[in-house]
Amino acid sequence: SALLRPILQDSWLPTAAYVGGPGEIAYFAQLAPLHAHVGLPM
């Protein structure tokens, strides 16, 4: 889903930054607890 995709991205890739539009910025505001849950830095 839209919220799980960034976690998959950051588990596969050495992601320093993600470039997003307004909608993506808004859902990244929701994602800090999920990154913390799986032990990945945002």
PDB file of all heavy atoms in Angstrom:
ATOM      1  N   SER A   1       0.861  -1.185   0.000  1.00  0.00           N
ATOM      2  CA  SER A   1       0.000   0.000   0.000  1.00  0.00           C
ATOM      3  C   SER A   1       0.898   1.235   0.000  1.00  0.00           C
ATOM      4  O   SER A   1       2.128   1.143   0.054  1.00  0.00           O
ATOM      5  CB  SER A   1      -0.885   0.010   1.244  1.00  0.00           C
ATOM      6  OG  SER A   1      -0.070   0.146   2.411  1.00  0.00           O
ATOM      7  N   ALA A   2       0.280   2.414  -0.006  1.00  0.00           N
ATOM      8  CA  ALA A   2       1.051   3.661  -0.037  1.00  0.00           C
ATOM      9  C   ALA A   2       1.943   3.818   1.187  1.00  0.00           C
ATOM     10  O   ALA A   2       3.028   4.403   1.101  1.00  0.00           O
ATOM     11  CB  ALA A   2       0.102   4.851  -0.144  1.00  0.00           C
ATOM     12  N   LEU A   3       1.513   3.285   2.346  1.00  0.00           N
ATOM     13  CA  LEU A   3       2.317   3.424   3.558  1.00  0.00           C
ATOM     14  C   LEU A   3       3.381   2.340   3.690  1.00  0.00           C
ATOM     15  O   LEU A   3       4.413   2.566   4.327  1.00  0.00           O
ATOM     16  CB  LEU A   3       1.417   3.429   4.791  1.00  0.00           C
ATOM     17  CG  LEU A   3       0.514   4.642   4.967  1.00  0.00           C
ATOM     18  CD1 LEU A   3      -0.313   4.532   6.234  1.00  0.00           C
ATOM     19  CD2 LEU A   3       1.325   5.935   4.982  1.00  0.00           C
ATOM     20  N   LEU A   4       3.143   1.175   3.105  1.00  0.00           N
ATOM     21  CA  LEU A   4       4.135   0.109   3.204  1.00  0.00           C
ATOM     22  C   LEU A   4       5.241   0.255   2.162  1.00  0.00           C
ATOM     23  O   LEU A   4       6.371  -0.189   2.380  1.00  0.00           O
ATOM     24  CB  LEU A   4       3.450  -1.252   3.050  1.00  0.00           C
ATOM     25  CG  LEU A   4       4.272  -2.485   3.474  1.00  0.00           C
ATOM     26  CD1 LEU A   4       4.670  -2.396   4.943  1.00  0.00           C
ATOM     27  CD2 LEU A   4       3.489  -3.767   3.218  1.00  0.00           C
ATOM     28  N   ARG A   5       4.917   0.887   1.032  1.00  0.00           N
ATOM     29  CA  ARG A   5       5.919   1.011  -0.034  1.00  0.00           C
ATOM     30  C   ARG A   5       7.195   1.715   0.415  1.00  0.00           C
ATOM     31  O   ARG A   5       8.295   1.248   0.117  1.00  0.00           O
ATOM     32  CB  ARG A   5       5.317   1.750  -1.240  1.00  0.00           C
ATOM     33  CG  ARG A   5       6.259   1.810  -2.425  1.00  0.00           C
ATOM     34  CD  ARG A   5       6.024   3.021  -3.301  1.00  0.00           C
ATOM     35  NE  ARG A   5       6.117   4.276  -2.587  1.00  0.00           N
ATOM     36  CZ  ARG A   5       7.254   4.830  -2.177  1.00  0.00           C
ATOM     37  NH1 ARG A   5       8.406   4.227  -2.405  1.00  0.00           N
ATOM     38  NH2 ARG A   5       7.246   5.975  -1.527  1.00  0.00           N
ATOM     39  N   PRO A   6       7.120   2.847   1.158  1.00  0.00           N
ATOM     40  CA  PRO A   6       8.367   3.479   1.584  1.00  0.00           C
ATOM     41  C   PRO A   6       9.209   2.582   2.501  1.00  0.00           C
ATOM     42  O   PRO A   6      10.443   2.678   2.486  1.00  0.00           O
ATOM     43  CB  PRO A   6       7.894   4.734   2.332  1.00  0.00           C
ATOM     44  CG  PRO A   6       6.536   5.013   1.780  1.00  0.00           C
ATOM     45  CD  PRO A   6       5.942   3.669   1.521  1.00  0.00           C
ATOM     46  N   ILE A   7       8.554   1.742   3.287  1.00  0.00           N
ATOM     47  CA  ILE A   7       9.302   0.845   4.166  1.00  0.00           C
ATOM     48  C   ILE A   7      10.031  -0.202   3.327  1.00  0.00           C
ATOM     49  O   ILE A   7      11.194  -0.538   3.591  1.00  0.00           O
ATOM     50  CB  ILE A   7       8.363   0.183   5.195  1.00  0.00           C
ATOM     51  CG1 ILE A   7       7.584   1.247   5.966  1.00  0.00           C
ATOM     52  CG2 ILE A   7       9.150  -0.705   6.142  1.00  0.00           C
ATOM     53  CD1 ILE A   7       8.456   2.226   6.728  1.00  0.00           C
ATOM     54  N   LEU A   8       9.346  -0.729   2.315  1.00  0.00           N
ATOM     55  CA  LEU A   8      10.006  -1.675   1.413  1.00  0.00           C
ATOM     56  C   LEU A   8      11.184  -0.999   0.711  1.00  0.00           C
ATOM     57  O   LEU A   8      12.279  -1.569   0.609  1.00  0.00           O
ATOM     58  CB  LEU A   8       9.001  -2.192   0.379  1.00  0.00           C
ATOM     59  CG  LEU A   8       9.515  -3.257  -0.584  1.00  0.00           C
ATOM     60  CD1 LEU A   8       9.939  -4.513   0.161  1.00  0.00           C
ATOM     61  CD2 LEU A   8       8.453  -3.599  -1.629  1.00  0.00           C
ATOM     62  N   GLN A   9      10.969   0.212   0.243  1.00  0.00           N
ATOM     63  CA  GLN A   9      12.033   0.975  -0.409  1.00  0.00           C
ATOM     64  C   GLN A   9      13.258   1.093   0.496  1.00  0.00           C
ATOM     65  O   GLN A   9      14.394   0.826   0.083  1.00  0.00           O
ATOM     66  CB  GLN A   9      11.491   2.363  -0.746  1.00  0.00           C
ATOM     67  CG  GLN A   9      12.533   3.433  -1.020  1.00  0.00           C
ATOM     68  CD  GLN A   9      11.943   4.818  -0.915  1.00  0.00           C
ATOM     69  OE1 GLN A   9      11.099   5.185  -1.721  1.00  0.00           O
ATOM     70  NE2 GLN A   9      12.370   5.596   0.083  1.00  0.00           N
ATOM     71  N   ASP A  10      13.043   1.480   1.761  1.00  0.00           N
ATOM     72  CA  ASP A  10      14.167   1.734   2.655  1.00  0.00           C
ATOM     73  C   ASP A  10      14.783   0.462   3.206  1.00  0.00           C
ATOM     74  O   ASP A  10      15.904   0.495   3.723  1.00  0.00           O
ATOM     75  CB  ASP A  10      13.717   2.655   3.789  1.00  0.00           C
ATOM     76  CG  ASP A  10      13.279   4.024   3.288  1.00  0.00           C
ATOM     77  OD1 ASP A  10      13.697   4.396   2.175  1.00  0.00           O
ATOM     78  OD2 ASP A  10      12.508   4.708   3.983  1.00  0.00           O
ATOM     79  N   SER A  11      14.059  -0.653   3.112  1.00  0.00           N
ATOM     80  CA  SER A  11      14.663  -1.940   3.502  1.00  0.00           C
ATOM     81  C   SER A  11      15.520  -2.507   2.384  1.00  0.00           C
ATOM     82  O   SER A  11      16.436  -3.287   2.639  1.00  0.00           O
ATOM     83  CB  SER A  11      13.574  -2.939   3.907  1.00  0.00           C
ATOM     84  OG  SER A  11      12.777  -3.301   2.793  1.00  0.00           O
ATOM     85  N   TRP A  12      15.245  -2.131   1.136  1.00  0.00           N
ATOM     86  CA  TRP A  12      16.021  -2.605  -0.006  1.00  0.00           C
ATOM     87  C   TRP A  12      17.191  -1.698  -0.346  1.00  0.00           C
ATOM     88  O   TRP A  12      18.237  -2.163  -0.796  1.00  0.00           O
ATOM     89  CB  TRP A  12      15.123  -2.687  -1.252  1.00  0.00           C
ATOM     90  CG  TRP A  12      14.261  -3.896  -1.318  1.00  0.00           C
ATOM     91  CD1 TRP A  12      14.282  -4.997  -0.497  1.00  0.00           C
ATOM     92  CD2 TRP A  12      13.220  -4.136  -2.279  1.00  0.00           C
ATOM     93  NE1 TRP A  12      13.314  -5.891  -0.879  1.00  0.00           N
ATOM     94  CE2 TRP A  12      12.658  -5.396  -1.970  1.00  0.00           C
ATOM     95  CE3 TRP A  12      12.716  -3.415  -3.349  1.00  0.00           C
ATOM     96  CZ2 TRP A  12      11.615  -5.945  -2.726  1.00  0.00           C
ATOM     97  CZ3 TRP A  12      11.678  -3.950  -4.093  1.00  0.00           C
ATOM     98  CH2 TRP A  12      11.134  -5.212  -3.781  1.00  0.00           C
ATOM     99  N   LEU A  13      17.009  -0.390  -0.194  1.00  0.00           N
ATOM    100  CA  LEU A  13      17.957   0.587  -0.731  1.00  0.00           C
ATOM    101  C   LEU A  13      18.613   1.403   0.388  1.00  0.00           C
ATOM    102  O   LEU A  13      17.990   1.657   1.425  1.00  0.00           O
ATOM    103  CB  LEU A  13      17.239   1.551  -1.683  1.00  0.00           C
ATOM    104  CG  LEU A  13      16.540   0.937  -2.895  1.00  0.00           C
ATOM    105  CD1 LEU A  13      15.727   2.009  -3.628  1.00  0.00           C
ATOM    106  CD2 LEU A  13      17.538   0.288  -3.837  1.00  0.00           C
ATOM    107  N   PRO A  14      19.833   1.860   0.169  1.00  0.00           N
ATOM    108  CA  PRO A  14      20.482   2.787   1.115  1.00  0.00           C
ATOM    109  C   PRO A  14      19.983   4.211   0.878  1.00  0.00           C
ATOM    110  O   PRO A  14      20.684   5.079   0.354  1.00  0.00           O
ATOM    111  CB  PRO A  14      21.972   2.637   0.784  1.00  0.00           C
ATOM    112  CG  PRO A  14      22.000   2.260  -0.661  1.00  0.00           C
ATOM    113  CD  PRO A  14      20.763   1.448  -0.910  1.00  0.00           C
ATOM    114  N   THR A  15      18.728   4.444   1.270  1.00  0.00           N
ATOM    115  CA  THR A  15      18.035   5.696   0.921  1.00  0.00           C
ATOM    116  C   THR A  15      18.482   6.836   1.818  1.00  0.00           C
ATOM    117  O   THR A  15      18.186   6.844   3.015  1.00  0.00           O
ATOM    118  CB  THR A  15      16.511   5.518   1.055  1.00  0.00           C
ATOM    119  OG1 THR A  15      16.114   4.299   0.445  1.00  0.00           O
ATOM    120  CG2 THR A  15      15.782   6.674   0.400  1.00  0.00           C
ATOM    121  N   ALA A  16      19.160   7.813   1.230  1.00  0.00           N
ATOM    122  CA  ALA A  16      19.503   9.021   1.969  1.00  0.00           C
ATOM    123  C   ALA A  16      18.355  10.020   1.932  1.00  0.00           C
ATOM    124  O   ALA A  16      18.126  10.757   2.894  1.00  0.00           O
ATOM    125  CB  ALA A  16      20.760   9.657   1.391  1.00  0.00           C
ATOM    126  N   ALA A  17      17.626  10.066   0.800  1.00  0.00           N
ATOM    127  CA  ALA A  17      16.543  11.042   0.662  1.00  0.00           C
ATOM    128  C   ALA A  17      15.483  10.502  -0.272  1.00  0.00           C
ATOM    129  O   ALA A  17      15.780   9.724  -1.189  1.00  0.00           O
ATOM    130  CB  ALA A  17      17.079  12.374   0.122  1.00  0.00           C
ATOM    131  N   TYR A  18      14.246  10.924  -0.022  1.00  0.00           N
ATOM    132  CA  TYR A  18      13.141  10.635  -0.929  1.00  0.00           C
ATOM    133  C   TYR A  18      12.573  11.966  -1.412  1.00  0.00           C
ATOM    134  O   TYR A  18      12.282  12.865  -0.608  1.00  0.00           O
ATOM    135  CB  TYR A  18      12.030   9.823  -0.261  1.00  0.00           C
ATOM    136  CG  TYR A  18      10.920   9.497  -1.234  1.00  0.00           C
ATOM    137  CD1 TYR A  18      11.042   8.423  -2.095  1.00  0.00           C
ATOM    138  CD2 TYR A  18       9.788  10.311  -1.333  1.00  0.00           C
ATOM    139  CE1 TYR A  18      10.053   8.140  -3.034  1.00  0.00           C
ATOM    140  CE2 TYR A  18       8.802  10.037  -2.270  1.00  0.00           C
ATOM    141  CZ  TYR A  18       8.947   8.957  -3.120  1.00  0.00           C
ATOM    142  OH  TYR A  18       7.979   8.692  -4.059  1.00  0.00           O
ATOM    143  N   VAL A  19      12.405  12.097  -2.717  1.00  0.00           N
ATOM    144  CA  VAL A  19      11.832  13.301  -3.315  1.00  0.00           C
ATOM    145  C   VAL A  19      10.354  13.055  -3.575  1.00  0.00           C
ATOM    146  O   VAL A  19       9.994  12.125  -4.313  1.00  0.00           O
ATOM    147  CB  VAL A  19      12.556  13.663  -4.626  1.00  0.00           C
ATOM    148  CG1 VAL A  19      11.822  14.783  -5.344  1.00  0.00           C
ATOM    149  CG2 VAL A  19      14.000  14.056  -4.343  1.00  0.00           C
ATOM    150  N   GLY A  20       9.502  13.865  -2.974  1.00  0.00           N
ATOM    151  CA  GLY A  20       8.066  13.642  -3.104  1.00  0.00           C
ATOM    152  C   GLY A  20       7.290  14.916  -3.347  1.00  0.00           C
ATOM    153  O   GLY A  20       7.782  16.034  -3.134  1.00  0.00           O
ATOM    154  N   GLY A  21       6.054  14.738  -3.787  1.00  0.00           N
ATOM    155  CA  GLY A  21       5.135  15.845  -3.987  1.00  0.00           C
ATOM    156  C   GLY A  21       4.309  16.096  -2.738  1.00  0.00           C
ATOM    157  O   GLY A  21       4.509  15.454  -1.697  1.00  0.00           O
ATOM    158  N   PRO A  22       3.343  17.010  -2.813  1.00  0.00           N
ATOM    159  CA  PRO A  22       2.562  17.387  -1.629  1.00  0.00           C
ATOM    160  C   PRO A  22       1.857  16.217  -0.954  1.00  0.00           C
ATOM    161  O   PRO A  22       1.866  16.104   0.278  1.00  0.00           O
ATOM    162  CB  PRO A  22       1.555  18.394  -2.192  1.00  0.00           C
ATOM    163  CG  PRO A  22       2.240  18.985  -3.385  1.00  0.00           C
ATOM    164  CD  PRO A  22       3.027  17.868  -3.979  1.00  0.00           C
ATOM    165  N   GLY A  23       1.234  15.317  -1.750  1.00  0.00           N
ATOM    166  CA  GLY A  23       0.545  14.186  -1.149  1.00  0.00           C
ATOM    167  C   GLY A  23       1.495  13.247  -0.430  1.00  0.00           C
ATOM    168  O   GLY A  23       1.199  12.748   0.668  1.00  0.00           O
ATOM    169  N   GLU A  24       2.644  12.991  -1.037  1.00  0.00           N
ATOM    170  CA  GLU A  24       3.616  12.089  -0.412  1.00  0.00           C
ATOM    171  C   GLU A  24       4.193  12.697   0.861  1.00  0.00           C
ATOM    172  O   GLU A  24       4.404  11.993   1.856  1.00  0.00           O
ATOM    173  CB  GLU A  24       4.740  11.791  -1.405  1.00  0.00           C
ATOM    174  CG  GLU A  24       4.272  10.949  -2.581  1.00  0.00           C
ATOM    175  CD  GLU A  24       5.255  10.988  -3.735  1.00  0.00           C
ATOM    176  OE1 GLU A  24       5.546  12.086  -4.244  1.00  0.00           O
ATOM    177  OE2 GLU A  24       5.733   9.921  -4.128  1.00  0.00           O
ATOM    178  N   ILE A  25       4.454  13.996   0.844  1.00  0.00           N
ATOM    179  CA  ILE A  25       4.938  14.660   2.056  1.00  0.00           C
ATOM    180  C   ILE A  25       3.940  14.455   3.188  1.00  0.00           C
ATOM    181  O   ILE A  25       4.314  14.178   4.329  1.00  0.00           O
ATOM    182  CB  ILE A  25       5.165  16.155   1.778  1.00  0.00           C
ATOM    183  CG1 ILE A  25       6.397  16.339   0.878  1.00  0.00           C
ATOM    184  CG2 ILE A  25       5.344  16.941   3.077  1.00  0.00           C
ATOM    185  CD1 ILE A  25       6.554  17.744   0.329  1.00  0.00           C
ATOM    186  N   ALA A  26       2.651  14.549   2.856  1.00  0.00           N
ATOM    187  CA  ALA A  26       1.619  14.381   3.881  1.00  0.00           C
ATOM    188  C   ALA A  26       1.605  12.968   4.431  1.00  0.00           C
ATOM    189  O   ALA A  26       1.436  12.768   5.640  1.00  0.00           O
ATOM    190  CB  ALA A  26       0.252  14.756   3.315  1.00  0.00           C
ATOM    191  N   TYR A  27       1.792  11.949   3.583  1.00  0.00           N
ATOM    192  CA  TYR A  27       1.750  10.620   4.187  1.00  0.00           C
ATOM    193  C   TYR A  27       3.054  10.246   4.864  1.00  0.00           C
ATOM    194  O   TYR A  27       3.066   9.385   5.749  1.00  0.00           O
ATOM    195  CB  TYR A  27       1.225   9.543   3.233  1.00  0.00           C
ATOM    196  CG  TYR A  27       2.041   9.083   2.065  1.00  0.00           C
ATOM    197  CD1 TYR A  27       3.259   8.434   2.213  1.00  0.00           C
ATOM    198  CD2 TYR A  27       1.541   9.216   0.773  1.00  0.00           C
ATOM    199  CE1 TYR A  27       3.973   7.965   1.119  1.00  0.00           C
ATOM    200  CE2 TYR A  27       2.247   8.759  -0.326  1.00  0.00           C
ATOM    201  CZ  TYR A  27       3.460   8.140  -0.152  1.00  0.00           C
ATOM    202  OH  TYR A  27       4.151   7.670  -1.231  1.00  0.00           O
ATOM    203  N   PHE A  28       4.151  10.909   4.531  1.00  0.00           N
ATOM    204  CA  PHE A  28       5.370  10.684   5.313  1.00  0.00           C
ATOM    205  C   PHE A  28       5.215  11.228   6.721  1.00  0.00           C
ATOM    206  O   PHE A  28       5.893  10.770   7.651  1.00  0.00           O
ATOM    207  CB  PHE A  28       6.591  11.294   4.622  1.00  0.00           C
ATOM    208  CG  PHE A  28       7.290  10.337   3.691  1.00  0.00           C
ATOM    209  CD1 PHE A  28       7.105  10.417   2.322  1.00  0.00           C
ATOM    210  CD2 PHE A  28       8.100   9.332   4.188  1.00  0.00           C
ATOM    211  CE1 PHE A  28       7.729   9.530   1.461  1.00  0.00           C
ATOM    212  CE2 PHE A  28       8.735   8.431   3.334  1.00  0.00           C
ATOM    213  CZ  PHE A  28       8.553   8.525   1.974  1.00  0.00           C
ATOM    214  N   ALA A  29       4.329  12.200   6.905  1.00  0.00           N
ATOM    215  CA  ALA A  29       4.049  12.684   8.254  1.00  0.00           C
ATOM    216  C   ALA A  29       3.441  11.590   9.123  1.00  0.00           C
ATOM    217  O   ALA A  29       3.520  11.646  10.358  1.00  0.00           O
ATOM    218  CB  ALA A  29       3.119  13.885   8.190  1.00  0.00           C
ATOM    219  N   GLN A  30       2.817  10.602   8.495  1.00  0.00           N
ATOM    220  CA  GLN A  30       2.224   9.491   9.237  1.00  0.00           C
ATOM    221  C   GLN A  30       3.220   8.372   9.528  1.00  0.00           C
ATOM    222  O   GLN A  30       2.935   7.490  10.335  1.00  0.00           O
ATOM    223  CB  GLN A  30       1.060   8.887   8.430  1.00  0.00           C
ATOM    224  CG  GLN A  30      -0.102   9.818   8.172  1.00  0.00           C
ATOM    225  CD  GLN A  30      -1.195   9.150   7.356  1.00  0.00           C
ATOM    226  OE1 GLN A  30      -1.493   9.578   6.252  1.00  0.00           O
ATOM    227  NE2 GLN A  30      -1.786   8.090   7.886  1.00  0.00           N
ATOM    228  N   LEU A  31       4.378   8.389   8.862  1.00  0.00           N
ATOM    229  CA  LEU A  31       5.201   7.179   8.778  1.00  0.00           C
ATOM    230  C   LEU A  31       6.232   6.993   9.881  1.00  0.00           C
ATOM    231  O   LEU A  31       6.785   5.895  10.004  1.00  0.00           O
ATOM    232  CB  LEU A  31       5.914   7.132   7.422  1.00  0.00           C
ATOM    233  CG  LEU A  31       5.098   6.535   6.280  1.00  0.00           C
ATOM    234  CD1 LEU A  31       5.848   6.654   4.969  1.00  0.00           C
ATOM    235  CD2 LEU A  31       4.778   5.072   6.561  1.00  0.00           C
ATOM    236  N   ALA A  32       6.532   8.018  10.664  1.00  0.00           N
ATOM    237  CA  ALA A  32       7.582   7.870  11.673  1.00  0.00           C
ATOM    238  C   ALA A  32       7.359   6.664  12.594  1.00  0.00           C
ATOM    239  O   ALA A  32       8.305   5.908  12.861  1.00  0.00           O
ATOM    240  CB  ALA A  32       7.728   9.150  12.481  1.00  0.00           C
ATOM    241  N   PRO A  33       6.121   6.411  13.074  1.00  0.00           N
ATOM    242  CA  PRO A  33       5.942   5.229  13.936  1.00  0.00           C
ATOM    243  C   PRO A  33       6.227   3.922  13.215  1.00  0.00           C
ATOM    244  O   PRO A  33       6.685   2.953  13.841  1.00  0.00           O
ATOM    245  CB  PRO A  33       4.457   5.319  14.340  1.00  0.00           C
ATOM    246  CG  PRO A  33       4.088   6.745  14.152  1.00  0.00           C
ATOM    247  CD  PRO A  33       4.890   7.211  12.977  1.00  0.00           C
ATOM    248  N   LEU A  34       5.965   3.866  11.906  1.00  0.00           N
ATOM    249  CA  LEU A  34       6.207   2.621  11.162  1.00  0.00           C
ATOM    250  C   LEU A  34       7.698   2.414  10.934  1.00  0.00           C
ATOM    251  O   LEU A  34       8.204   1.294  11.057  1.00  0.00           O
ATOM    252  CB  LEU A  34       5.450   2.667   9.836  1.00  0.00           C
ATOM    253  CG  LEU A  34       5.442   1.384   8.994  1.00  0.00           C
ATOM    254  CD1 LEU A  34       5.033   0.176   9.821  1.00  0.00           C
ATOM    255  CD2 LEU A  34       4.519   1.547   7.798  1.00  0.00           C
ATOM    256  N   HIS A  35       8.422   3.474  10.567  1.00  0.00           N
ATOM    257  CA  HIS A  35       9.871   3.343  10.454  1.00  0.00           C
ATOM    258  C   HIS A  35      10.479   2.883  11.782  1.00  0.00           C
ATOM    259  O   HIS A  35      11.351   2.011  11.809  1.00  0.00           O
ATOM    260  CB  HIS A  35      10.493   4.682  10.029  1.00  0.00           C
ATOM    261  CG  HIS A  35      10.525   4.899   8.551  1.00  0.00           C
ATOM    262  ND1 HIS A  35       9.463   5.430   7.854  1.00  0.00           N
ATOM    263  CD2 HIS A  35      11.492   4.652   7.624  1.00  0.00           C
ATOM    264  CE1 HIS A  35       9.771   5.512   6.570  1.00  0.00           C
ATOM    265  NE2 HIS A  35      10.995   5.044   6.400  1.00  0.00           N
ATOM    266  N   ALA A  36      10.017   3.476  12.882  1.00  0.00           N
ATOM    267  CA  ALA A  36      10.537   3.089  14.192  1.00  0.00           C
ATOM    268  C   ALA A  36      10.200   1.632  14.512  1.00  0.00           C
ATOM    269  O   ALA A  36      11.024   0.891  15.062  1.00  0.00           O
ATOM    270  CB  ALA A  36       9.984   4.016  15.270  1.00  0.00           C
ATOM    271  N   HIS A  37       9.001   1.209  14.157  1.00  0.00           N
ATOM    272  CA  HIS A  37       8.560  -0.156  14.456  1.00  0.00           C
ATOM    273  C   HIS A  37       9.448  -1.195  13.772  1.00  0.00           C
ATOM    274  O   HIS A  37       9.752  -2.243  14.365  1.00  0.00           O
ATOM    275  CB  HIS A  37       7.106  -0.328  14.018  1.00  0.00           C
ATOM    276  CG  HIS A  37       6.543  -1.676  14.355  1.00  0.00           C
ATOM    277  ND1 HIS A  37       5.959  -1.963  15.576  1.00  0.00           N
ATOM    278  CD2 HIS A  37       6.463  -2.831  13.632  1.00  0.00           C
ATOM    279  CE1 HIS A  37       5.558  -3.219  15.590  1.00  0.00           C
ATOM    280  NE2 HIS A  37       5.846  -3.771  14.419  1.00  0.00           N
ATOM    281  N   VAL A  38       9.840  -0.925  12.537  1.00  0.00           N
ATOM    282  CA  VAL A  38      10.661  -1.907  11.802  1.00  0.00           C
ATOM    283  C   VAL A  38      12.151  -1.630  11.943  1.00  0.00           C
ATOM    284  O   VAL A  38      12.978  -2.353  11.381  1.00  0.00           O
ATOM    285  CB  VAL A  38      10.272  -1.941  10.307  1.00  0.00           C
ATOM    286  CG1 VAL A  38       8.822  -2.340  10.140  1.00  0.00           C
ATOM    287  CG2 VAL A  38      10.540  -0.605   9.616  1.00  0.00           C
ATOM    288  N   GLY A  39      12.517  -0.586  12.701  1.00  0.00           N
ATOM    289  CA  GLY A  39      13.920  -0.335  12.972  1.00  0.00           C
ATOM    290  C   GLY A  39      14.687   0.282  11.822  1.00  0.00           C
ATOM    291  O   GLY A  39      15.898   0.040  11.675  1.00  0.00           O
ATOM    292  N   LEU A  40      14.022   1.111  11.000  1.00  0.00           N
ATOM    293  CA  LEU A  40      14.680   1.776   9.887  1.00  0.00           C
ATOM    294  C   LEU A  40      14.687   3.284  10.109  1.00  0.00           C
ATOM    295  O   LEU A  40      13.675   3.845  10.545  1.00  0.00           O
ATOM    296  CB  LEU A  40      13.959   1.492   8.565  1.00  0.00           C
ATOM    297  CG  LEU A  40      14.157   0.125   7.920  1.00  0.00           C
ATOM    298  CD1 LEU A  40      13.177  -0.037   6.756  1.00  0.00           C
ATOM    299  CD2 LEU A  40      15.591  -0.048   7.429  1.00  0.00           C
ATOM    300  N   PRO A  41      15.801   3.963   9.807  1.00  0.00           N
ATOM    301  CA  PRO A  41      15.782   5.430   9.890  1.00  0.00           C
ATOM    302  C   PRO A  41      14.974   6.020   8.744  1.00  0.00           C
ATOM    303  O   PRO A  41      15.022   5.507   7.624  1.00  0.00           O
ATOM    304  CB  PRO A  41      17.264   5.803   9.765  1.00  0.00           C
ATOM    305  CG  PRO A  41      17.869   4.685   8.975  1.00  0.00           C
ATOM    306  CD  PRO A  41      17.117   3.440   9.369  1.00  0.00           C
ATOM    307  N   MET A  42      14.234   7.059   9.041  1.00  0.00           N
ATOM    308  CA  MET A  42      13.515   7.725   7.960  1.00  0.00           C
ATOM    309  C   MET A  42      14.494   8.582   7.165  1.00  0.00           C
ATOM    310  O   MET A  42      15.278   9.321   7.744  1.00  0.00           O
ATOM    311  CB  MET A  42      12.375   8.587   8.497  1.00  0.00           C
ATOM    312  CG  MET A  42      11.558   9.240   7.386  1.00  0.00           C
ATOM    313  SD  MET A  42      10.172  10.236   7.983  1.00  0.00           S
ATOM    314  CE  MET A  42       9.014   8.948   8.444  1.00  0.00           C
TER     315      MET A  42
END
